[in-house]
Amino acid sequence: MRFAVLASGNGSNFEAIVTAYEAGQIDGELALVFSDKPEAVVLQRAKAHQIPDKTFTVKEHGSKAAYEAALLDLLQQEAIDYLVLAGYMRILGAELIAAFPERIINIHPSLLPSFPGLHGIKDAFEYGVKITGVTVHFVDNGVDTGPIIAQEAVKIEASDTLESLELKIHQAEHGLYPRVLQKLFAGKK
C-alpha cells in the first residue's frame, strides 16, 4: 500500500506523519511528497527524510484541469493508493476525487461540521466556543464535508490567545493524524 502526502506549506503535519512512519507506526510505504508550491518548506523536509518529492504549479500547466490531469498522471505512475492531505491548500477537482474514492484523507483544525474552510481555528476562537478540536475526514466534492473518520476535542481556556490555541490545535493534529493513518492503513499493504 503506497501513499502520497500533498502539502502546500511548512509541513508540520508531514513531519508528524514521517516521524511516526520512520518509527514503524504507520503501515504502507510513504512513496511521494507533492507540493503545488516549489518554495514550500515541506519539500525541504521530504529531502531531509529522503522521501521522493515533486512539485509543479497550476500556472506551469495553464489551467486547473491540466494541472490536476498532470497530478493524476504522476500519482498513477507512482502507483499511489491513498492521498494524505497535510496543509494542501487547493480544492481538489471531481476527476481527481473520483480516481481515489474514499482514499483521500484530510485533517481540518476544527470539529467539523463546525467551522469548515480556510480559517477554522480563528473562526472557532472568534465565535467564542469553549471546545474546538481537529477532524480527520475523507475528501468528497464539498469543502470539508466528507465522512468523518476521527475527531479530537481541544478545550479553549479563558487564558488562551489565538496563538496559544493554534499551538494546542497543532499538537492535537500531530498526535491524531498518524494514529488515524495507522488504523486506516493497517492490513491494506
C-alpha atoms as a PDB file:
ATOM      1  CA  MET A   1       0.000   0.000   0.000  1.00  0.00           C
ATOM      2  CA  ARG A   2       1.618   3.232  -1.182  1.00  0.00           C
ATOM      3  CA  PHE A   3       0.578   6.680  -0.053  1.00  0.00           C
ATOM      4  CA  ALA A   4       1.475  10.213  -1.048  1.00  0.00           C
ATOM      5  CA  VAL A   5       1.373  13.335   1.103  1.00  0.00           C
ATOM      6  CA  LEU A   6       0.134  16.509  -0.606  1.00  0.00           C
ATOM      7  CA  ALA A   7       1.103  19.754   1.127  1.00  0.00           C
ATOM      8  CA  SER A   8       1.444  23.435   0.286  1.00  0.00           C
ATOM      9  CA  GLY A   9       3.380  24.943   3.162  1.00  0.00           C
ATOM     10  CA  ASN A  10       5.542  24.321   6.183  1.00  0.00           C
ATOM     11  CA  GLY A  11       4.782  20.634   6.528  1.00  0.00           C
ATOM     12  CA  SER A  12       4.434  20.265  10.293  1.00  0.00           C
ATOM     13  CA  ASN A  13       1.745  17.603   9.835  1.00  0.00           C
ATOM     14  CA  PHE A  14       4.002  15.892   7.284  1.00  0.00           C
ATOM     15  CA  GLU A  15       6.793  15.919   9.866  1.00  0.00           C
ATOM     16  CA  ALA A  16       4.492  14.237  12.425  1.00  0.00           C
ATOM     17  CA  ILE A  17       3.466  11.646   9.830  1.00  0.00           C
ATOM     18  CA  VAL A  18       7.018  10.890   8.683  1.00  0.00           C
ATOM     19  CA  THR A  19       8.245  10.633  12.283  1.00  0.00           C
ATOM     20  CA  ALA A  20       5.572   8.029  13.029  1.00  0.00           C
ATOM     21  CA  TYR A  21       6.251   6.317   9.685  1.00  0.00           C
ATOM     22  CA  GLU A  22      10.008   6.079  10.322  1.00  0.00           C
ATOM     23  CA  ALA A  23       9.275   4.657  13.786  1.00  0.00           C
ATOM     24  CA  GLY A  24       7.244   1.870  12.148  1.00  0.00           C
ATOM     25  CA  GLN A  25       3.938   3.249  13.459  1.00  0.00           C
ATOM     26  CA  ILE A  26       2.296   3.663  10.036  1.00  0.00           C
ATOM     27  CA  ASP A  27       1.985   0.687   7.709  1.00  0.00           C
ATOM     28  CA  GLY A  28       2.446   1.029   3.989  1.00  0.00           C
ATOM     29  CA  GLU A  29       5.003   2.979   2.011  1.00  0.00           C
ATOM     30  CA  LEU A  30       5.315   6.760   2.079  1.00  0.00           C
ATOM     31  CA  ALA A  31       6.133   6.938  -1.613  1.00  0.00           C
ATOM     32  CA  LEU A  32       5.873  10.625  -2.506  1.00  0.00           C
ATOM     33  CA  VAL A  33       5.509  14.162  -1.209  1.00  0.00           C
ATOM     34  CA  PHE A  34       3.887  16.560  -3.661  1.00  0.00           C
ATOM     35  CA  SER A  35       3.538  20.320  -3.347  1.00  0.00           C
ATOM     36  CA  ASP A  36       1.867  22.875  -5.568  1.00  0.00           C
ATOM     37  CA  LYS A  37       4.358  25.448  -4.244  1.00  0.00           C
ATOM     38  CA  PRO A  38       8.003  24.986  -5.323  1.00  0.00           C
ATOM     39  CA  GLU A  39       9.179  27.098  -2.355  1.00  0.00           C
ATOM     40  CA  ALA A  40       7.225  25.068   0.261  1.00  0.00           C
ATOM     41  CA  VAL A  41       9.247  24.049   3.311  1.00  0.00           C
ATOM     42  CA  VAL A  42       7.599  20.608   3.167  1.00  0.00           C
ATOM     43  CA  LEU A  43       9.788  19.805   0.133  1.00  0.00           C
ATOM     44  CA  GLN A  44      12.929  20.515   2.184  1.00  0.00           C
ATOM     45  CA  ARG A  45      11.550  18.280   4.935  1.00  0.00           C
ATOM     46  CA  ALA A  46      10.928  15.499   2.388  1.00  0.00           C
ATOM     47  CA  LYS A  47      14.511  15.768   1.122  1.00  0.00           C
ATOM     48  CA  ALA A  48      15.838  15.638   4.696  1.00  0.00           C
ATOM     49  CA  HIS A  49      13.959  12.344   5.196  1.00  0.00           C
ATOM     50  CA  GLN A  50      14.939  11.058   1.737  1.00  0.00           C
ATOM     51  CA  ILE A  51      11.290  10.826   0.657  1.00  0.00           C
ATOM     52  CA  PRO A  52      10.814  11.366  -3.101  1.00  0.00           C
ATOM     53  CA  ASP A  53       9.247  14.739  -3.822  1.00  0.00           C
ATOM     54  CA  LYS A  54       7.722  16.501  -6.788  1.00  0.00           C
ATOM     55  CA  THR A  55       6.354  19.967  -7.405  1.00  0.00           C
ATOM     56  CA  PHE A  56       4.623  21.858 -10.170  1.00  0.00           C
ATOM     57  CA  THR A  57       2.099  24.652 -10.334  1.00  0.00           C
ATOM     58  CA  VAL A  58      -1.224  25.403 -11.974  1.00  0.00           C
ATOM     59  CA  LYS A  59       0.484  28.270 -13.805  1.00  0.00           C
ATOM     60  CA  GLU A  60       3.002  25.870 -15.380  1.00  0.00           C
ATOM     61  CA  HIS A  61       0.113  23.824 -16.781  1.00  0.00           C
ATOM     62  CA  GLY A  62      -2.097  26.725 -17.840  1.00  0.00           C
ATOM     63  CA  SER A  63      -5.294  25.625 -16.076  1.00  0.00           C
ATOM     64  CA  LYS A  64      -6.553  23.795 -13.011  1.00  0.00           C
ATOM     65  CA  ALA A  65      -7.830  20.961 -15.224  1.00  0.00           C
ATOM     66  CA  ALA A  66      -4.439  20.472 -16.911  1.00  0.00           C
ATOM     67  CA  TYR A  67      -2.648  20.738 -13.546  1.00  0.00           C
ATOM     68  CA  GLU A  68      -4.879  18.087 -11.982  1.00  0.00           C
ATOM     69  CA  ALA A  69      -4.540  15.831 -15.041  1.00  0.00           C
ATOM     70  CA  ALA A  70      -0.749  16.039 -14.638  1.00  0.00           C
ATOM     71  CA  LEU A  71      -1.050  15.367 -10.905  1.00  0.00           C
ATOM     72  CA  LEU A  72      -3.310  12.371 -11.511  1.00  0.00           C
ATOM     73  CA  ASP A  73      -0.854  11.062 -14.120  1.00  0.00           C
ATOM     74  CA  LEU A  74       2.010  11.417 -11.615  1.00  0.00           C
ATOM     75  CA  LEU A  75       0.052   9.620  -8.891  1.00  0.00           C
ATOM     76  CA  GLN A  76      -0.845   6.792 -11.264  1.00  0.00           C
ATOM     77  CA  GLN A  77       2.768   6.482 -12.457  1.00  0.00           C
ATOM     78  CA  GLU A  78       3.830   6.182  -8.809  1.00  0.00           C
ATOM     79  CA  ALA A  79       1.096   3.572  -8.133  1.00  0.00           C
ATOM     80  CA  ILE A  80      -0.288   5.622  -5.248  1.00  0.00           C
ATOM     81  CA  ASP A  81      -3.149   4.010  -3.327  1.00  0.00           C
ATOM     82  CA  TYR A  82      -4.001   6.801  -0.842  1.00  0.00           C
ATOM     83  CA  LEU A  83      -3.614  10.572  -0.796  1.00  0.00           C
ATOM     84  CA  VAL A  84      -2.940  12.209   2.556  1.00  0.00           C
ATOM     85  CA  LEU A  85      -3.559  15.954   2.560  1.00  0.00           C
ATOM     86  CA  ALA A  86      -1.404  17.809   5.069  1.00  0.00           C
ATOM     87  CA  GLY A  87      -1.983  21.508   4.588  1.00  0.00           C
ATOM     88  CA  TYR A  88      -2.651  21.155   0.871  1.00  0.00           C
ATOM     89  CA  MET A  89      -4.363  24.465   0.187  1.00  0.00           C
ATOM     90  CA  ARG A  90      -6.139  23.616  -3.070  1.00  0.00           C
ATOM     91  CA  ILE A  91      -9.661  22.324  -3.510  1.00  0.00           C
ATOM     92  CA  LEU A  92      -9.445  19.046  -5.401  1.00  0.00           C
ATOM     93  CA  GLY A  93     -11.419  18.639  -8.621  1.00  0.00           C
ATOM     94  CA  ALA A  94     -14.067  15.985  -9.195  1.00  0.00           C
ATOM     95  CA  GLU A  95     -11.907  13.877 -11.529  1.00  0.00           C
ATOM     96  CA  LEU A  96      -9.084  13.561  -9.014  1.00  0.00           C
ATOM     97  CA  ILE A  97     -11.531  12.750  -6.211  1.00  0.00           C
ATOM     98  CA  ALA A  98     -13.251  10.141  -8.385  1.00  0.00           C
ATOM     99  CA  ALA A  99      -9.897   8.458  -9.059  1.00  0.00           C
ATOM    100  CA  PHE A 100      -9.373   7.906  -5.293  1.00  0.00           C
ATOM    101  CA  PRO A 101     -12.832   7.175  -3.829  1.00  0.00           C
ATOM    102  CA  GLU A 102     -12.620   7.194  -0.015  1.00  0.00           C
ATOM    103  CA  ARG A 103      -8.837   7.121  -0.376  1.00  0.00           C
ATOM    104  CA  ILE A 104      -8.158  10.859   0.069  1.00  0.00           C
ATOM    105  CA  ILE A 105      -7.731  11.829   3.697  1.00  0.00           C
ATOM    106  CA  ASN A 106      -7.601  15.342   5.117  1.00  0.00           C
ATOM    107  CA  ILE A 107      -7.131  16.904   8.530  1.00  0.00           C
ATOM    108  CA  HIS A 108      -9.042  20.047   9.470  1.00  0.00           C
ATOM    109  CA  PRO A 109      -8.442  22.286  12.512  1.00  0.00           C
ATOM    110  CA  SER A 110     -11.977  22.272  13.924  1.00  0.00           C
ATOM    111  CA  LEU A 111     -14.647  19.835  14.991  1.00  0.00           C
ATOM    112  CA  LEU A 112     -16.476  19.517  11.697  1.00  0.00           C
ATOM    113  CA  PRO A 113     -19.126  20.232  10.614  1.00  0.00           C
ATOM    114  CA  SER A 114     -18.462  23.413  12.634  1.00  0.00           C
ATOM    115  CA  PHE A 115     -16.035  25.969  11.186  1.00  0.00           C
ATOM    116  CA  PRO A 116     -15.166  24.451   7.802  1.00  0.00           C
ATOM    117  CA  GLY A 117     -12.929  26.256   5.335  1.00  0.00           C
ATOM    118  CA  LEU A 118      -9.695  28.144   5.463  1.00  0.00           C
ATOM    119  CA  HIS A 119      -9.769  29.722   8.966  1.00  0.00           C
ATOM    120  CA  GLY A 120     -11.179  27.011  11.252  1.00  0.00           C
ATOM    121  CA  ILE A 121      -9.055  27.909  14.289  1.00  0.00           C
ATOM    122  CA  LYS A 122      -9.629  31.657  14.031  1.00  0.00           C
ATOM    123  CA  ASP A 123     -13.343  31.219  13.322  1.00  0.00           C
ATOM    124  CA  ALA A 124     -13.847  28.996  16.385  1.00  0.00           C
ATOM    125  CA  PHE A 125     -11.813  31.335  18.593  1.00  0.00           C
ATOM    126  CA  GLU A 126     -13.641  34.461  17.459  1.00  0.00           C
ATOM    127  CA  TYR A 127     -17.043  32.777  17.775  1.00  0.00           C
ATOM    128  CA  GLY A 128     -16.251  32.079  21.412  1.00  0.00           C
ATOM    129  CA  VAL A 129     -16.798  28.324  21.576  1.00  0.00           C
ATOM    130  CA  LYS A 130     -15.399  26.574  24.649  1.00  0.00           C
ATOM    131  CA  ILE A 131     -14.491  23.378  22.806  1.00  0.00           C
ATOM    132  CA  THR A 132     -12.974  23.075  19.348  1.00  0.00           C
ATOM    133  CA  GLY A 133     -10.580  20.471  18.014  1.00  0.00           C
ATOM    134  CA  VAL A 134      -9.409  18.600  14.941  1.00  0.00           C
ATOM    135  CA  THR A 135     -11.132  16.326  12.451  1.00  0.00           C
ATOM    136  CA  VAL A 136      -9.704  13.703  10.120  1.00  0.00           C
ATOM    137  CA  HIS A 137     -12.093  13.027   7.247  1.00  0.00           C
ATOM    138  CA  PHE A 138     -12.357  11.577   3.778  1.00  0.00           C
ATOM    139  CA  VAL A 139     -12.426  14.158   0.985  1.00  0.00           C
ATOM    140  CA  ASP A 140     -15.529  14.457  -1.149  1.00  0.00           C
ATOM    141  CA  ASN A 141     -16.659  17.100  -3.655  1.00  0.00           C
ATOM    142  CA  GLY A 142     -17.567  19.624  -0.936  1.00  0.00           C
ATOM    143  CA  VAL A 143     -15.286  21.726   1.247  1.00  0.00           C
ATOM    144  CA  ASP A 144     -14.639  19.839   4.500  1.00  0.00           C
ATOM    145  CA  THR A 145     -17.877  17.875   4.067  1.00  0.00           C
ATOM    146  CA  GLY A 146     -16.593  14.310   3.606  1.00  0.00           C
ATOM    147  CA  PRO A 147     -17.287  11.451   6.018  1.00  0.00           C
ATOM    148  CA  ILE A 148     -15.615  11.958   9.383  1.00  0.00           C
ATOM    149  CA  ILE A 149     -13.046   9.335  10.362  1.00  0.00           C
ATOM    150  CA  ALA A 150     -11.949  10.665  13.771  1.00  0.00           C
ATOM    151  CA  GLN A 151     -12.061  13.790  15.921  1.00  0.00           C
ATOM    152  CA  GLU A 152     -10.211  15.065  18.960  1.00  0.00           C
ATOM    153  CA  ALA A 153     -11.535  17.847  21.163  1.00  0.00           C
ATOM    154  CA  VAL A 154      -9.420  20.768  22.354  1.00  0.00           C
ATOM    155  CA  LYS A 155     -10.664  22.934  25.209  1.00  0.00           C
ATOM    156  CA  ILE A 156     -10.380  26.696  24.817  1.00  0.00           C
ATOM    157  CA  GLU A 157      -9.344  28.169  28.161  1.00  0.00           C
ATOM    158  CA  ALA A 158     -10.200  31.739  29.192  1.00  0.00           C
ATOM    159  CA  SER A 159      -6.451  32.492  29.133  1.00  0.00           C
ATOM    160  CA  ASP A 160      -5.981  31.238  25.569  1.00  0.00           C
ATOM    161  CA  THR A 161      -4.989  33.601  22.799  1.00  0.00           C
ATOM    162  CA  LEU A 162      -5.409  32.793  19.144  1.00  0.00           C
ATOM    163  CA  GLU A 163      -1.703  31.911  19.056  1.00  0.00           C
ATOM    164  CA  SER A 164      -1.881  29.571  22.078  1.00  0.00           C
ATOM    165  CA  LEU A 165      -4.987  27.904  20.629  1.00  0.00           C
ATOM    166  CA  GLU A 166      -3.176  27.378  17.317  1.00  0.00           C
ATOM    167  CA  LEU A 167      -0.359  25.613  19.187  1.00  0.00           C
ATOM    168  CA  LYS A 168      -2.840  23.368  21.024  1.00  0.00           C
ATOM    169  CA  ILE A 169      -4.629  22.524  17.760  1.00  0.00           C
ATOM    170  CA  HIS A 170      -1.340  21.686  16.019  1.00  0.00           C
ATOM    171  CA  GLN A 171      -0.330  19.419  18.921  1.00  0.00           C
ATOM    172  CA  ALA A 172      -3.655  17.596  18.629  1.00  0.00           C
ATOM    173  CA  GLU A 173      -3.245  17.272  14.848  1.00  0.00           C
ATOM    174  CA  HIS A 174       0.283  15.892  15.174  1.00  0.00           C
ATOM    175  CA  GLY A 175      -0.931  13.188  17.557  1.00  0.00           C
ATOM    176  CA  LEU A 176      -4.234  12.286  15.895  1.00  0.00           C
ATOM    177  CA  TYR A 177      -3.255  12.177  12.210  1.00  0.00           C
ATOM    178  CA  PRO A 178      -0.550   9.475  12.475  1.00  0.00           C
ATOM    179  CA  ARG A 179      -2.791   7.329  14.733  1.00  0.00           C
ATOM    180  CA  VAL A 180      -5.672   7.518  12.269  1.00  0.00           C
ATOM    181  CA  LEU A 181      -3.423   6.723   9.297  1.00  0.00           C
ATOM    182  CA  GLN A 182      -2.078   3.659  11.103  1.00  0.00           C
ATOM    183  CA  LYS A 183      -5.594   2.390  11.750  1.00  0.00           C
ATOM    184  CA  LEU A 184      -6.651   3.024   8.151  1.00  0.00           C
ATOM    185  CA  PHE A 185      -3.574   1.514   6.545  1.00  0.00           C
ATOM    186  CA  ALA A 186      -3.116  -1.494   8.828  1.00  0.00           C
ATOM    187  CA  GLY A 187      -3.642  -4.638   6.821  1.00  0.00           C
ATOM    188  CA  LYS A 188      -4.029  -2.801   3.473  1.00  0.00           C
ATOM    189  CA  LYS A 189      -0.487  -3.318   2.155  1.00  0.00           C
END
